[in-house]
Amino acid sequence: MSSIRTTTLWKTRQVLLSSRPLSWINTAYPFAAAYIVTTGRVDALLVVGTLFFLIPYNLLMYGINDVFDYESDLRNPRKGGVEGAMLDPALHRTVLVSGILTAVPVLGAMLVLAGTGHPLSWVVLAVSLFAVAAYSVPGLRFKERPVVDSVTSSTHFVSPAVYGLAVAGAQWTPGLVALLAAFFLWGMASHAFGAVQDVVPDREGGIASIATALGAARTVRLAIGCWAAAGLLMLATGWPGLLAAVLAVPYIVAAWPFRSVSDARAETANAGWKRFLWLNFVSGFCVTMLLIVSSLL
């Protein structure tokens, strides 16, 4: 009995690790913030939608990725922790099944609560879930299509916010469009910069990416440019949203030391990537404060 319990706990830990708990907030928060700011209320759809984008969504997205990236992950020294599970092949089926079994009931409840009043939300959710699968599954593998990989990755994080806005019946003002465009550029920059550290293992594994195609230095510079453009777009969102423009600066500072990094030393960008992960929490706090101020005006 003890050995069964130990095995079960180990499998559970591996499944959770594959969902990148450190990144759960990056998809749940955009949905919750978009929904509650638009509707001004806390209701069942907010709770269920946040739950879906918190755990099942990430288990699907990252679990699928870890399963189908297993061969390249074997060559990647940063795998096996918060930046990605090193899944034993015996767990691949368990992770995929767990993702589906946790997602379906929560997704079903979310759709029932959302009703049929906002058809655009169905399209957004379909695009979001397609992007989750298309990034990694064989036959599509958008992660191996340079630039498309960054676009798809950004969709993973922006689409929960767009879904929250759509299902809440938001008005699509120029300022809101600018905000989403800035968020999308931020997402592309984040993916591109994250891909830099994996240039060597990705090439050894025969995996193409924006970083393997452009090279480490040019990819870092592209990421810096996208973050800068995102900051400029925030200036078009009006008061107090334009204050968020300064949030692009810490990301640029974190990436700046690697703007000329060679492909051979691309793994050193991992230091900047780790700072990026913690910057997300600081930025999230600042954005929350801005949302509170905005709601009081």
Protein backbone atom coordinates (compact mmCIF):
# COMPACT_ATOMS: atom_id res chain seq x y z
CA MET A 1 0.00 0.00 0.00
CA SER A 2 2.83 2.37 0.87
CA SER A 3 4.53 1.80 -2.49
CA ILE A 4 1.26 2.46 -4.33
CA ARG A 5 0.78 5.71 -2.43
CA THR A 6 4.36 6.74 -3.16
CA THR A 7 3.93 5.99 -6.87
CA THR A 8 0.66 7.92 -6.99
CA LEU A 9 2.20 10.94 -5.29
CA TRP A 10 5.16 10.82 -7.66
CA LYS A 11 2.89 10.70 -10.72
CA THR A 12 0.76 13.54 -9.36
CA ARG A 13 3.83 15.66 -8.75
CA GLN A 14 5.12 15.02 -12.27
CA VAL A 15 1.76 15.88 -13.83
CA LEU A 16 1.60 19.14 -11.87
CA LEU A 17 5.21 19.95 -12.71
CA SER A 18 4.44 19.52 -16.40
CA SER A 19 1.80 22.27 -16.11
CA ARG A 20 4.43 24.85 -15.00
CA PRO A 21 2.77 26.05 -11.74
CA LEU A 22 4.97 29.14 -11.76
CA SER A 23 3.21 30.23 -14.96
CA TRP A 24 -0.40 29.45 -14.02
CA ILE A 25 -1.09 33.07 -13.15
CA ASN A 26 0.07 34.21 -16.60
CA THR A 27 -3.07 32.82 -18.25
CA ALA A 28 -5.61 32.97 -15.41
CA TYR A 29 -4.93 36.60 -14.54
CA PRO A 30 -5.53 38.06 -18.03
CA PHE A 31 -8.94 36.37 -18.22
CA ALA A 32 -9.97 37.35 -14.69
CA ALA A 33 -8.78 40.94 -15.04
CA ALA A 34 -10.45 41.42 -18.42
CA TYR A 35 -13.74 39.92 -17.23
CA ILE A 36 -14.03 41.67 -13.89
CA VAL A 37 -12.97 45.09 -15.21
CA THR A 38 -15.55 44.83 -18.01
CA THR A 39 -18.46 43.50 -15.96
CA GLY A 40 -17.61 44.93 -12.54
CA ARG A 41 -18.85 41.78 -10.86
CA VAL A 42 -17.68 38.52 -9.31
CA ASP A 43 -19.85 35.66 -10.48
CA ALA A 44 -19.75 31.94 -11.26
CA LEU A 45 -18.38 32.47 -14.77
CA LEU A 46 -15.47 34.47 -13.38
CA VAL A 47 -14.65 31.72 -10.88
CA VAL A 48 -14.99 28.82 -13.32
CA GLY A 49 -13.22 30.64 -16.15
CA THR A 50 -10.34 31.59 -13.90
CA LEU A 51 -10.07 28.00 -12.70
CA PHE A 52 -9.99 26.75 -16.30
CA PHE A 53 -7.25 29.14 -17.39
CA LEU A 54 -5.35 28.55 -14.15
CA ILE A 55 -4.78 24.78 -14.20
CA PRO A 56 -6.46 22.69 -16.98
CA TYR A 57 -5.42 25.14 -19.71
CA ASN A 58 -1.79 25.06 -18.59
CA LEU A 59 -1.80 21.31 -18.10
CA LEU A 60 -2.99 20.90 -21.67
CA MET A 61 -0.60 23.46 -23.11
CA TYR A 62 2.59 22.51 -21.30
CA GLY A 63 1.77 18.82 -20.89
CA ILE A 64 1.36 18.39 -24.64
CA ASN A 65 4.58 20.31 -25.15
CA ASP A 66 6.58 18.18 -22.70
CA VAL A 67 5.30 14.95 -24.22
CA PHE A 68 6.11 15.79 -27.82
CA ASP A 69 9.35 17.62 -26.98
CA TYR A 70 10.78 14.75 -24.96
CA GLU A 71 13.65 13.97 -27.33
CA SER A 72 14.89 17.56 -27.50
CA ASP A 73 14.34 18.06 -23.76
CA LEU A 74 16.84 15.26 -23.09
CA ARG A 75 19.52 17.59 -24.51
CA ASN A 76 18.29 20.64 -22.59
CA PRO A 77 19.97 21.13 -19.18
CA ARG A 78 17.32 23.54 -17.89
CA LYS A 79 14.54 20.96 -18.12
CA GLY A 80 13.45 19.02 -15.08
CA GLY A 81 12.24 21.86 -12.85
CA VAL A 82 10.00 24.92 -12.88
CA GLU A 83 11.00 25.63 -16.49
CA GLY A 84 9.67 22.31 -17.73
CA ALA A 85 9.26 18.74 -16.61
CA MET A 86 11.50 15.97 -17.88
CA LEU A 87 8.74 13.45 -18.27
CA ASP A 88 9.46 9.76 -18.17
CA PRO A 89 7.96 8.22 -21.34
CA ALA A 90 5.82 6.02 -19.08
CA LEU A 91 4.03 9.20 -17.93
CA HIS A 92 3.29 10.64 -21.35
CA ARG A 93 -0.13 9.03 -21.63
CA THR A 94 -0.94 9.95 -18.03
CA VAL A 95 -0.15 13.62 -18.64
CA LEU A 96 -2.20 13.80 -21.85
CA VAL A 97 -5.18 12.03 -20.28
CA SER A 98 -4.95 14.18 -17.16
CA GLY A 99 -5.03 17.33 -19.27
CA ILE A 100 -8.15 16.22 -21.12
CA LEU A 101 -9.97 14.89 -18.04
CA THR A 102 -9.37 18.07 -16.04
CA ALA A 103 -10.16 20.41 -18.93
CA VAL A 104 -13.39 18.94 -20.31
CA PRO A 105 -15.68 19.30 -17.26
CA VAL A 106 -14.41 22.78 -16.36
CA LEU A 107 -14.60 23.91 -19.98
CA GLY A 108 -18.13 22.49 -20.25
CA ALA A 109 -19.24 24.34 -17.13
CA MET A 110 -17.68 27.56 -18.44
CA LEU A 111 -19.53 27.27 -21.76
CA VAL A 112 -22.84 26.62 -20.01
CA LEU A 113 -22.38 29.64 -17.75
CA ALA A 114 -21.32 31.83 -20.70
CA GLY A 115 -24.48 30.99 -22.63
CA THR A 116 -25.05 31.95 -26.26
CA GLY A 117 -25.13 35.73 -25.96
CA HIS A 118 -21.62 36.42 -27.23
CA PRO A 119 -20.76 34.35 -30.35
CA LEU A 120 -17.37 36.06 -30.70
CA SER A 121 -16.29 34.38 -27.47
CA TRP A 122 -16.77 30.96 -29.10
CA VAL A 123 -14.42 31.90 -31.92
CA VAL A 124 -11.81 33.27 -29.51
CA LEU A 125 -11.95 30.16 -27.33
CA ALA A 126 -11.67 27.89 -30.39
CA VAL A 127 -8.61 29.81 -31.60
CA SER A 128 -7.10 29.66 -28.12
CA LEU A 129 -7.50 25.89 -27.78
CA PHE A 130 -6.31 25.32 -31.34
CA ALA A 131 -3.15 27.32 -30.58
CA VAL A 132 -2.58 25.22 -27.46
CA ALA A 133 -2.57 22.02 -29.51
CA ALA A 134 -1.03 23.35 -32.72
CA TYR A 135 2.09 24.58 -30.97
CA SER A 136 3.31 21.05 -30.19
CA VAL A 137 1.32 18.23 -31.77
CA PRO A 138 2.89 16.34 -34.69
CA GLY A 139 1.60 17.39 -38.07
CA LEU A 140 1.19 21.01 -36.99
CA ARG A 141 4.16 21.79 -34.71
CA PHE A 142 3.84 25.57 -34.97
CA LYS A 143 6.71 25.78 -32.49
CA GLU A 144 9.00 24.67 -35.33
CA ARG A 145 7.86 27.42 -37.69
CA PRO A 146 10.02 30.51 -37.06
CA VAL A 147 8.01 33.64 -36.17
CA VAL A 148 4.80 31.58 -36.25
CA ASP A 149 6.11 30.01 -33.04
CA SER A 150 6.24 33.39 -31.29
CA VAL A 151 2.84 34.41 -32.68
CA THR A 152 1.30 31.16 -31.44
CA SER A 153 2.93 31.41 -28.03
CA SER A 154 1.66 34.98 -27.61
CA THR A 155 -1.82 33.76 -28.55
CA HIS A 156 -1.64 31.35 -25.61
CA PHE A 157 -1.46 34.27 -23.18
CA VAL A 158 -3.43 37.00 -24.94
CA SER A 159 -6.42 34.84 -25.94
CA PRO A 160 -7.63 34.30 -22.33
CA ALA A 161 -7.85 38.09 -21.98
CA VAL A 162 -9.63 38.44 -25.34
CA TYR A 163 -12.03 35.66 -24.31
CA GLY A 164 -12.74 37.42 -21.02
CA LEU A 165 -13.49 40.65 -22.88
CA ALA A 166 -15.63 38.91 -25.51
CA VAL A 167 -17.72 36.88 -23.09
CA ALA A 168 -18.21 39.98 -20.93
CA GLY A 169 -19.46 42.03 -23.89
CA ALA A 170 -16.68 44.61 -23.88
CA GLN A 171 -16.74 47.64 -26.18
CA TRP A 172 -13.80 47.46 -28.62
CA THR A 173 -12.42 50.98 -28.31
CA PRO A 174 -9.14 52.11 -29.94
CA GLY A 175 -7.53 52.23 -26.50
CA LEU A 176 -8.54 48.62 -25.79
CA VAL A 177 -7.22 47.47 -29.17
CA ALA A 178 -3.93 49.25 -28.47
CA LEU A 179 -3.69 47.55 -25.09
CA LEU A 180 -4.24 44.10 -26.61
CA ALA A 181 -1.74 44.83 -29.38
CA ALA A 182 0.81 45.83 -26.75
CA PHE A 183 0.09 42.65 -24.80
CA PHE A 184 0.52 40.61 -27.99
CA LEU A 185 3.89 42.21 -28.77
CA TRP A 186 4.95 41.60 -25.17
CA GLY A 187 4.03 37.93 -25.62
CA MET A 188 5.99 37.62 -28.85
CA ALA A 189 9.02 39.28 -27.26
CA SER A 190 8.83 36.98 -24.27
CA HIS A 191 8.69 33.84 -26.39
CA ALA A 192 11.48 34.99 -28.67
CA PHE A 193 13.76 35.85 -25.77
CA GLY A 194 12.93 32.55 -24.07
CA ALA A 195 13.86 30.66 -27.25
CA VAL A 196 17.37 32.15 -27.28
CA GLN A 197 18.61 30.03 -24.38
CA ASP A 198 17.55 26.87 -26.26
CA VAL A 199 19.35 27.54 -29.55
CA VAL A 200 21.96 24.78 -29.06
CA PRO A 201 19.65 21.98 -27.77
CA ASP A 202 16.99 22.88 -30.34
CA ARG A 203 19.49 22.63 -33.18
CA GLU A 204 20.85 19.36 -31.82
CA GLY A 205 17.30 18.04 -31.65
CA GLY A 206 16.50 19.22 -35.17
CA ILE A 207 13.94 21.74 -33.91
CA ALA A 208 13.54 25.04 -35.72
CA SER A 209 12.54 28.19 -33.84
CA ILE A 210 12.64 31.93 -34.25
CA ALA A 211 16.00 31.87 -32.42
CA THR A 212 17.55 29.09 -34.49
CA ALA A 213 16.44 30.88 -37.67
CA LEU A 214 17.50 34.43 -36.77
CA GLY A 215 20.38 33.59 -34.46
CA ALA A 216 20.67 34.43 -30.78
CA ALA A 217 21.75 38.08 -31.00
CA ARG A 218 19.22 39.14 -33.63
CA THR A 219 16.45 37.39 -31.71
CA VAL A 220 17.32 39.23 -28.52
CA ARG A 221 17.30 42.52 -30.41
CA LEU A 222 13.93 41.65 -31.95
CA ALA A 223 12.55 40.92 -28.48
CA ILE A 224 13.86 44.26 -27.20
CA GLY A 225 12.21 46.00 -30.15
CA CYS A 226 8.87 44.30 -29.49
CA TRP A 227 8.96 45.24 -25.81
CA ALA A 228 9.76 48.84 -26.76
CA ALA A 229 6.89 48.89 -29.28
CA ALA A 230 4.56 47.45 -26.64
CA GLY A 231 5.50 50.25 -24.28
CA LEU A 232 4.82 52.86 -26.96
CA LEU A 233 1.42 51.35 -27.72
CA MET A 234 0.45 51.63 -24.07
CA LEU A 235 0.76 55.40 -24.44
CA ALA A 236 -2.32 55.23 -26.68
CA THR A 237 -4.50 53.59 -24.03
CA GLY A 238 -5.31 56.75 -22.14
CA TRP A 239 -5.06 57.59 -18.45
CA PRO A 240 -4.05 55.74 -16.28
CA GLY A 241 -3.21 52.89 -18.65
CA LEU A 242 -0.45 54.86 -20.30
CA LEU A 243 1.52 54.60 -17.05
CA ALA A 244 2.00 50.91 -17.85
CA ALA A 245 4.33 51.96 -20.67
CA VAL A 246 7.17 52.09 -18.14
CA LEU A 247 6.70 48.38 -17.41
CA ALA A 248 8.45 47.61 -20.71
CA VAL A 249 11.67 49.09 -19.35
CA PRO A 250 12.62 46.31 -16.86
CA TYR A 251 12.21 43.66 -19.58
CA ILE A 252 14.43 45.61 -21.94
CA VAL A 253 17.01 46.02 -19.17
CA ALA A 254 16.90 42.27 -18.43
CA ALA A 255 17.50 41.38 -22.09
CA TRP A 256 19.94 44.15 -22.96
CA PRO A 257 23.15 42.38 -21.75
CA PHE A 258 22.46 39.56 -24.25
CA ARG A 259 21.88 41.73 -27.33
CA SER A 260 25.19 40.53 -28.86
CA VAL A 261 25.30 37.00 -27.43
CA SER A 262 26.72 34.39 -29.80
CA ASP A 263 24.82 31.25 -30.70
CA ALA A 264 27.48 29.16 -28.96
CA ARG A 265 26.88 31.05 -25.69
CA ALA A 266 23.13 31.44 -26.10
CA GLU A 267 22.47 29.39 -22.96
CA THR A 268 23.80 32.29 -20.87
CA ALA A 269 20.56 34.13 -21.69
CA ASN A 270 18.93 31.82 -19.14
CA ALA A 271 20.06 34.30 -16.47
CA GLY A 272 17.97 36.99 -18.14
CA TRP A 273 15.08 34.55 -18.57
CA LYS A 274 15.01 33.78 -14.86
CA ARG A 275 14.85 37.50 -14.11
CA PHE A 276 12.02 37.71 -16.66
CA LEU A 277 10.00 35.10 -14.76
CA TRP A 278 10.13 37.16 -11.58
CA LEU A 279 9.53 40.41 -13.43
CA ASN A 280 6.15 39.00 -14.46
CA PHE A 281 5.03 38.99 -10.82
CA VAL A 282 6.17 42.56 -10.27
CA SER A 283 4.49 43.70 -13.48
CA GLY A 284 1.33 41.81 -12.53
CA PHE A 285 1.22 43.67 -9.20
CA CYS A 286 1.68 47.03 -10.94
CA VAL A 287 -1.01 46.26 -13.50
CA THR A 288 -3.37 45.27 -10.68
CA MET A 289 -2.78 48.59 -8.97
CA LEU A 290 -3.49 50.42 -12.24
CA LEU A 291 -6.71 48.45 -12.71
CA ILE A 292 -7.83 49.36 -9.21
CA VAL A 293 -7.07 53.04 -9.80
CA SER A 294 -8.85 52.91 -13.17
CA SER A 295 -11.97 51.39 -11.61
CA LEU A 296 -12.08 54.17 -9.01
CA LEU A 297 -11.88 57.01 -11.53
